[in-house]
Protein backbone atom coordinates (compact mmCIF):
# COMPACT_ATOMS: atom_id res chain seq x y z
CA MET A 1 67.56 52.51 70.37
CA LYS A 2 70.54 53.10 72.01
CA ALA A 3 70.82 49.68 73.89
CA GLY A 4 69.99 47.46 71.05
CA VAL A 5 72.88 49.45 69.19
CA ALA A 6 75.29 48.87 71.92
CA ALA A 7 74.03 45.31 72.32
CA TYR A 8 74.82 44.67 68.40
CA LYS A 9 77.93 46.16 68.42
CA LYS A 10 79.02 43.95 71.05
CA ALA A 11 78.14 40.97 69.16
CA ALA A 12 80.07 42.31 66.05
CA LYS A 13 83.21 42.65 68.15
CA LEU A 14 82.71 38.81 69.58
CA LYS A 15 81.87 37.23 66.28
CA PRO A 16 82.82 39.84 63.48
CA SER A 17 82.25 36.83 60.81
CA ALA A 18 78.25 36.97 61.80
CA LYS A 19 76.41 38.76 59.32
CA GLY A 20 73.41 39.55 61.22
CA PRO A 21 74.86 42.29 63.58
CA HIS A 22 76.58 43.71 60.62
CA GLN A 23 72.99 44.12 58.45
CA ALA A 24 71.65 45.08 62.03
CA LEU A 25 74.04 47.86 62.56
CA CYS A 26 73.72 48.99 58.62
CA ARG A 27 69.97 49.69 59.76
CA LEU A 28 69.91 50.73 62.99
CA LEU A 29 72.91 53.46 63.01
CA PRO A 30 71.46 55.61 60.68
CA GLY A 31 68.86 56.18 63.22
CA VAL A 32 71.14 57.57 65.78
CA GLY A 33 73.22 59.88 63.34
CA GLN A 34 76.30 56.89 62.83
CA ARG A 35 75.99 57.17 58.91
CA GLU A 36 79.79 56.30 58.67
CA GLN A 37 79.49 53.59 60.58
CA ALA A 38 76.63 52.35 59.18
CA LEU A 39 78.21 52.41 55.97
CA SER A 40 80.93 50.38 57.26
CA HIS A 41 78.68 47.90 58.61
CA CYS A 42 76.53 47.96 55.54
CA LYS A 43 79.64 46.59 53.32
CA ARG A 44 80.85 43.83 55.69
CA TRP A 45 76.73 42.32 55.79
CA ARG A 46 76.77 42.55 51.72
CA ALA A 47 80.41 40.61 51.79
CA MET A 48 79.15 38.47 53.83
CA GLU A 49 75.82 37.98 52.27
CA ARG A 50 75.02 34.52 50.18
CA SER A 51 71.32 35.19 48.99
CA PRO A 52 70.97 37.63 45.85
CA VAL A 53 67.95 39.36 47.66
CA ALA A 54 69.52 40.23 50.77
CA LYS A 55 72.64 41.51 48.81
CA ARG A 56 70.32 43.63 46.65
CA ALA A 57 69.25 45.24 49.84
CA ALA A 58 72.73 46.08 51.25
CA ASP A 59 73.46 47.85 48.10
CA ARG A 60 70.28 50.00 47.89
CA MET A 61 71.21 50.71 52.30
CA ILE A 62 74.60 51.58 50.99
CA ALA A 63 73.84 53.63 48.07
CA ARG A 64 71.35 55.47 50.39
CA LEU A 65 74.27 56.03 52.83
CA SER A 66 76.60 56.81 49.94
CA ARG A 67 74.33 60.04 49.16
């Protein structure tokens, strides 16, 4: 999992306007104990997302991580 996290972090740095890496990091980082970073990526994903369904998924992740 750590290799995947590293790859997505690199992708997010290379193209910060891409929502995919932020979405992936939002979901992966809590599993490696990085809740605060995950929350930041969830918020970035939510801000870029156009799909109402995906926005709700991001909102659920943000709520879960904010507890």
